[in-house]
Structure formats: structure tokens, C-alpha cells
Protein backbone atom coordinates (compact mmCIF):
# COMPACT_ATOMS: atom_id res chain seq x y z
CA MET A 1 168.75 74.74 60.54
CA ALA A 2 166.66 76.61 58.03
CA THR A 3 164.05 74.80 56.02
CA VAL A 4 162.34 75.65 52.78
CA THR A 5 159.55 77.21 54.83
CA ASP A 6 162.02 80.01 55.62
CA TYR A 7 162.14 80.97 51.94
CA PRO A 8 159.51 82.79 49.87
CA LYS A 9 157.20 80.33 48.15
CA THR A 10 158.81 81.11 44.78
CA GLU A 11 162.19 80.03 46.20
CA CYS A 12 161.28 76.56 47.49
CA ASP A 13 162.58 74.87 44.33
CA PHE A 14 166.38 75.05 44.36
CA LEU A 15 166.82 74.40 40.65
CA ALA A 16 164.19 76.98 39.72
CA LEU A 17 165.77 79.44 42.14
CA ILE A 18 169.28 79.26 40.72
CA ALA A 19 167.99 79.39 37.14
CA SER A 20 167.62 83.16 37.52
CA PRO A 21 170.67 85.42 37.99
CA ASP A 22 169.18 87.19 41.00
CA GLY A 23 168.10 83.95 42.61
CA ALA A 24 171.49 82.33 42.03
CA TYR A 25 173.24 85.39 43.49
CA ASP A 26 171.07 85.42 46.61
CA GLU A 27 171.42 81.68 47.12
CA GLY A 28 175.17 81.95 46.63
CA LEU A 29 175.38 84.54 49.39
CA ARG A 30 173.40 82.26 51.70
CA PHE A 31 175.60 79.31 50.75
CA PHE A 32 178.86 81.06 51.60
CA LYS A 33 177.43 82.07 54.96
CA GLY A 34 176.85 78.40 55.76
CA ALA A 35 173.11 78.61 55.07
CA GLY A 36 171.07 78.15 51.91
CA MET A 37 169.33 75.14 50.46
CA ILE A 38 172.44 73.13 49.53
CA ASN A 39 173.76 73.34 53.09
CA ASP A 40 170.31 72.51 54.45
CA ALA A 41 170.16 69.45 52.20
CA VAL A 42 173.66 68.31 53.22
CA LYS A 43 172.67 68.45 56.88
CA ARG A 44 169.44 66.61 56.20
CA ILE A 45 170.81 63.77 54.09
CA THR A 46 173.91 63.18 56.21
CA GLY A 47 171.73 63.13 59.31
CA ASP A 48 169.34 60.66 57.71
CA LEU A 49 172.20 58.39 56.61
CA GLU A 50 173.90 58.48 60.00
CA ALA A 51 170.62 57.76 61.80
CA ARG A 52 170.34 54.55 59.77
CA GLY A 53 173.99 53.57 60.02
CA ILE A 54 174.59 53.99 56.29
CA ASP A 55 178.23 54.94 55.68
CA TYR A 56 178.88 57.87 53.33
CA THR A 57 181.70 60.21 52.33
CA LEU A 58 181.12 63.66 50.87
CA ILE A 59 183.14 64.38 47.71
CA GLY A 60 183.02 66.97 44.94
CA ALA A 61 182.48 70.66 45.59
CA GLY A 62 181.02 69.93 49.01
CA ALA A 63 184.37 68.44 50.01
CA LEU A 64 186.30 71.28 48.36
CA ASN A 65 184.40 73.79 50.48
CA ARG A 66 185.02 71.91 53.69
CA HIS A 67 188.72 71.73 52.95
CA GLY A 68 188.91 75.49 52.42
CA TYR A 69 188.31 76.12 48.72
CA GLN A 70 185.06 78.05 48.66
CA ARG A 71 182.99 77.74 45.51
CA PHE A 72 179.29 77.47 44.84
CA THR A 73 177.77 74.18 43.74
CA SER A 74 174.43 73.11 42.35
CA ASP A 75 174.39 69.55 43.71
CA ILE A 76 175.63 67.21 46.43
CA ASP A 77 178.09 64.46 45.53
CA MET A 78 178.71 61.55 47.87
CA VAL A 79 180.11 58.03 47.89
CA LEU A 80 178.15 55.06 49.22
CA SER A 81 178.96 51.38 49.14
CA VAL A 82 176.86 49.24 46.81
CA GLU A 83 175.02 47.93 49.87
CA GLY A 84 174.62 51.47 51.17
CA LEU A 85 172.99 52.53 47.91
CA GLU A 86 170.60 49.59 48.12
CA ARG A 87 169.66 50.64 51.64
CA PHE A 88 169.21 54.24 50.51
CA HIS A 89 166.66 53.06 47.95
CA ALA A 90 164.92 50.78 50.45
CA GLU A 91 164.87 53.12 53.44
CA LEU A 92 164.86 56.70 52.15
CA ILE A 93 163.15 56.83 48.77
CA GLY A 94 159.67 58.17 49.46
CA ARG A 95 160.82 59.44 52.85
CA GLY A 96 162.23 62.80 51.89
CA TYR A 97 164.01 61.74 48.71
CA ARG A 98 162.98 60.68 45.21
CA PRO A 99 164.69 59.56 42.00
CA ALA A 100 165.76 62.48 39.81
CA PHE A 101 163.93 60.87 36.90
CA PRO A 102 162.03 57.60 36.31
CA GLY A 103 164.41 54.68 36.66
CA ALA A 104 167.26 56.71 38.14
CA LYS A 105 169.52 54.57 40.35
CA LYS A 106 172.15 57.07 41.52
CA ALA A 107 170.62 60.50 40.85
CA PHE A 108 168.16 61.80 43.43
CA ARG A 109 166.39 64.89 44.68
CA TRP A 110 165.88 66.05 48.23
CA THR A 111 162.12 66.35 47.91
CA GLU A 112 161.62 69.31 50.22
CA GLY A 113 163.82 71.67 48.21
CA ASN A 114 164.40 69.83 44.91
CA VAL A 115 168.16 69.75 45.55
CA PRO A 116 170.12 67.31 43.31
CA ILE A 117 172.04 64.49 45.01
CA GLU A 118 174.48 62.40 42.99
CA VAL A 119 175.70 59.07 44.39
CA ILE A 120 178.85 57.27 43.31
CA THR A 121 179.53 53.76 44.56
CA THR A 122 182.79 52.27 45.74
CA ASP A 123 183.03 49.94 42.74
CA GLU A 124 183.45 52.90 40.37
CA PHE A 125 186.56 54.71 39.11
CA PRO A 126 187.04 58.44 38.47
CA GLY A 127 187.40 60.05 35.06
CA ASP A 128 186.84 57.65 32.19
CA GLY A 129 185.41 55.02 34.53
CA LEU A 130 188.04 52.44 33.60
CA PRO A 131 189.89 50.50 36.33
CA LYS A 132 192.87 52.41 37.67
CA ALA A 133 194.98 52.76 40.81
CA VAL A 134 192.84 55.65 42.07
CA ARG A 135 189.31 54.63 42.97
CA PHE A 136 186.52 56.11 45.04
CA PRO A 137 187.06 55.85 48.81
CA ASP A 138 185.49 53.33 51.16
CA PRO A 139 182.99 55.44 53.14
CA ALA A 140 183.31 53.13 56.14
CA THR A 141 186.96 54.02 56.70
CA GLU A 142 188.18 56.81 54.41
CA TYR A 143 186.79 60.05 55.76
CA VAL A 144 187.46 62.94 58.10
CA VAL A 145 184.71 64.76 59.96
CA ILE A 146 184.54 68.46 59.07
CA ASP A 147 181.71 70.62 60.40
CA GLY A 148 179.96 67.43 61.48
CA VAL A 149 180.02 65.90 57.99
CA ARG A 150 182.04 62.85 56.90
CA THR A 151 184.25 64.23 54.15
CA VAL A 152 186.83 62.62 51.87
CA PRO A 153 190.37 63.31 53.22
CA LEU A 154 192.28 65.99 51.32
CA PRO A 155 194.90 63.66 49.75
CA ARG A 156 192.15 61.35 48.48
CA LEU A 157 190.16 64.32 47.13
CA VAL A 158 193.21 65.57 45.24
CA GLU A 159 193.83 62.07 43.86
CA LEU A 160 190.24 61.82 42.61
CA LYS A 161 190.42 65.24 40.98
CA LEU A 162 193.73 64.47 39.29
CA ALA A 163 192.63 61.04 38.04
CA SER A 164 189.39 62.52 36.73
CA GLY A 165 191.09 65.42 34.98
CA MET A 166 193.76 63.17 33.47
CA THR A 167 191.40 60.59 32.00
CA GLY A 168 187.90 62.05 31.79
CA ARG A 169 186.74 63.85 28.66
CA GLY A 170 185.69 67.42 29.48
CA ARG A 171 187.06 67.22 33.05
CA LEU A 172 189.85 69.81 32.87
CA LYS A 173 188.02 71.73 35.60
CA ASP A 174 189.12 69.00 38.02
CA LEU A 175 192.75 69.87 37.33
CA ALA A 176 191.89 73.54 37.84
CA ASP A 177 190.36 72.61 41.20
CA VAL A 178 193.61 70.95 42.25
CA GLN A 179 195.63 74.01 41.26
CA GLU A 180 193.26 76.21 43.27
CA LEU A 181 193.69 73.91 46.27
CA ILE A 182 197.46 74.22 45.92
CA ARG A 183 197.17 78.01 45.80
CA ILE A 184 194.56 78.59 48.49
CA LEU A 185 195.83 76.02 50.99
CA GLU A 186 199.48 76.72 50.13
CA LEU A 187 200.12 73.03 49.63
CA PRO A 188 203.85 72.27 49.38
CA ALA A 189 205.43 70.25 46.60
CA ALA A 190 205.98 67.49 49.16
CA PHE A 191 202.20 67.06 49.43
CA GLY A 192 202.51 64.97 46.28
CA GLU A 193 204.24 62.27 48.30
CA GLN A 194 200.87 61.51 49.94
CA LEU A 195 199.30 60.76 46.56
CA ASP A 196 199.14 57.60 44.51
CA ALA A 197 202.14 57.26 42.20
CA SER A 198 199.90 57.39 39.13
CA VAL A 199 198.98 61.05 39.74
CA ARG A 200 202.11 62.48 41.38
CA ALA A 201 203.63 63.77 38.16
CA LYS A 202 200.46 65.69 37.30
CA PHE A 203 200.38 67.21 40.79
CA ALA A 204 204.01 68.31 40.37
CA GLU A 205 203.19 69.77 36.94
CA LEU A 206 200.32 71.83 38.35
CA TYR A 207 202.43 72.93 41.32
CA ASN A 208 205.33 73.99 39.10
CA ASP A 209 203.02 75.81 36.70
CA LEU A 210 201.55 77.79 39.60
CA HIS A 211 204.92 78.65 41.11
CA GLY A 212 206.75 79.27 37.86
CA GLU A 213 209.20 76.42 38.32
């Protein structure tokens, strides 16, 4: 695994690196080859969590990539239990990780490369945050291992994206992500049967729009 010592000194800060077009392009190339600072940070944080027995599930763009939809991302999104988040603060802050800003409870940085890490807890709901049938997965039980990383299962990822896009202001990109998953993975219309009833109609709408039905 590469570390920030493998990068030029000017490239040791991930956020500073991707702020420039050339830096973002170069880091994107590394990312899609399975290298780069985001992938390094994923390996580091998941290894640290597993070593301490803290359950986690990768969501967001990291999960999209592992399920076959390749797109660049500027942060790492993961689900922890409320207890898991408390343990993260107690056991890992100051040991390779720091709050993203003073008082931050769920936004962190991997200190070595200044890579953003966003934590969502299992008591939260996607989109507008209001209680709904679709909620964030239990990291102790709802995951599949892809490339050595505990990742949200595809049906649950699609549910989260649909619920977010349907209820969250400014979250239409989540619906676009679902349509890209349908296209790239050639998901059949019957895939919707694996989803919660509250989001099936939206899945069918996106499927039919893509296939002209």
C-alpha cells in the first residue's frame, strides 16, 4: 500500500491536491487504478476499525465503485453504530485521525493525507433525515465484503440512493447514480422486487426512462 511518502511533498494534502485541475486529474488516474490517497485512506481506516472490532459499512461513492460504477470521489462515507462512533472518538482520534473542524462529531480527516471521512450512524435516515422505511444499514450484519472492505449490499445501496433522491433537497444526483447503476450493471426491472416498497415505484420510473418504456 502506498503512503503519502510516495507522493511529492506538495501532494501530501489530498484536498490541496485535488483543488488544482492537474492534481485532480493525476489523482483521479491513480484512484481508478486502485491506488491514490482515497484508496490508501480506505485501506487504513477499515484496517484500523477491524483491528479494534468496530463494525462499519462503506456507503456512498466508495460503495458505488466496489459494485462496478466507477466514479471519482473526494471523501469516504461509512456507517457506524452509535456505540461504534463513540469508540472511534475514544480509540482513534489522535491516533491517525482528527476532527474535520473544532467540535466535529461525525466529520473527520485521515491525518496523514488530509482525506475527508464522513460518518453516518445507524439511528439516521437518508434524504431529509425524517423517519422512513429506508434507514441506514446495521454495520454488524448488513454488508458484503468486496476487495477486502465491508460494503453495503447493492439492494441496500440502491434503496439509500432512491430514498435520498426522493426526499432530500439538492439530492437529484442520487437518482442519477441509481440510473447509472441500472445501465452499467444491466439491472433488470425485477431487481426492484428486492427493494423496500417505498422506493420501488421510483426504481421502475428510472428503469423505464432509461429503456424507453
